[in-house]
Amino acid sequence: MVLDFAFMRRALLIFGLVLLLVAPFSTDPLPFAVGCMTPWVLISIINKPNMPVAAIFYFFWQWAQIFARVLQSLIDGEALAKGYSGPGVVYAYWYSLAGLVALAVAFRLVLGNLPRPTQEEEDAHLSWRPRDLLMLYAGTLVLAVICGFGARYLSSLGQPFEAMGRLKVVAEFLLFTTVLATRRDYKFMTAAALIEIGIGFTGLLSDFRGVFIYLAMAAIAARIRLSAMAIVGGIAWFALLVALGLFWTAVKVDYRQFATEGEETQNLSVPLGDRMAYLGNLAMNPGEIDWGLASYGMLSRFAYIDIFGTVITVQDATRNPPTMRQWTEALEHVFKPRFIFPDKAPLSDSETYARLIGADPAKTVRGDTSISVGYFGENYVDLGFPGMLVGMFVLGLMISGVIRYFMQVRTLPLMVRQGIALAFIYHVCGSGIEISLPKLFGSIIMFFLVYLLLVKFVLPIALQWLNARSEAKETSQPS
């Protein structure tokens, strides 16, 4: 038994059927029952030969954000419609699940007939040395740091810098896939994972979860054998992710106050050493953390349809005719690059949120927070339901179209293409359903343009170096 699409489909069917036994006892039996079967429906739609593993992350991550709201209502002991966001949450839940299905259909249409790779393309990564891949990862890590500074100090070029920094994801994915497929040199994979977790806790917004996602997708791409040790390792890896998530949820408010010295900004003011010492002191005193409160806080923050529900309630009450304002402004923003139009106003998700719920922006917008309606909600504002499904389908065509282009670059080994697809998905939808339409459009277009250049001029050099190092090792070994 191996970890692949077929196994995931069977596992999600069992997962859904088991949870169906719980559904009658939940506060929302029908939403709970449909929600727990949705992952199986989604993977059944996209389960086609050569479908990139990034699609699993894309759909499961967004489904989890939607379904988490039902779990939250179960803990609260009140139905979805009885929550503080009003009855619109029920509609937001159903519309979001339907939107995921529309996206999945688009993925199947575009990626369902990808050409099968040759055996050489499929196995090219098996000859690379994990030590060299770790060095490649270190190089892309330095590049990501440089790109981070570039995006901060040259805001007009922020999007291309951010897209280029995602090259680190490709290097990590190749390292993890090679180690898991060859089952050797786990120390190099462990080193990269620990570095990523450590770096994730040095910033203000904390992106330590990324490495857990990359490793999970690498395990599926490598089609690892599901031995008892692999299953235990997977459970431990997931438990570590949850533990780190709970810790971050418990300390992030106080940590941000400390790191910014109380300013309403996302700019760090305290040196790295002091920030790490602060977090280390909190980690050494776990008894002072209210883990129950942290668990509920993480669940409620992860569930992201209440804002969509609030927008539905307000928009349905006003009954304004659709204007396609969200799509129009998003496209205008993307096609007016800041380095050509320096006076272009910066994006403000919170201002959009305030406008759509009829709130005062002065009371909603803060320098250290951002509230996004999300691209599901913005599609609803423009197109209503079921019209929003057309918008979701078009977005699915755009996202899967970019993936198809890079998955058909025959000069690249298969796992490099898979890594690019994962980097792309994480870049455009790493935050899940809360990303806004302007940011989604901008991320899609800029990633495509940047990686057109990287695939042509940069990746061939890296692949030539990896192959040369591999051949040098083989010729140096005694016959």
Foldseek 3Di string as FASTA:
>chain_A
DFQALVVVLVVLVVQLVVQLVVLVVFQHNVLSNVLSNLLNVLSVLLVAPPQFLLVNVQLVLQSLLLNLLSVLCRVVVHDPQPDPLHNLLVVLSVLSSLLSVLLSNLLCVLPRCFDDFDPCLACVLLLFDLVLLLVVLVVLCVLLVVLVVCCVVVVLCNLLSNLSSLVSLLSLLSSLLNCQLNVDDVVSNVVVLVVLLVVQQLFLVGDNCSSLVSNVSSSRSSRHDPDPVNVVVNVVSVVVVVVVQLLCLQCNVVLNCVQCVNAQARDGDDDSVVSVVVSVVCVVCVVVTPSVVSVSSSSVVSNPRSLLSNLVVQCVVVVDAADCVQVVVLVVPQVCRCVNVVVDDDDAQQVVSCVSNVHDSVVGDINNDGAHSFASSSLCSRQNPPGSSVVSNVLSNLLSVLLSVLCPPSVHRNSSSSSLNNSLSCQQAVVHRRDGSNSNVNSSVSSSVSVVVCVVPPVVVSSVVSVVVSVVVVVPDDD
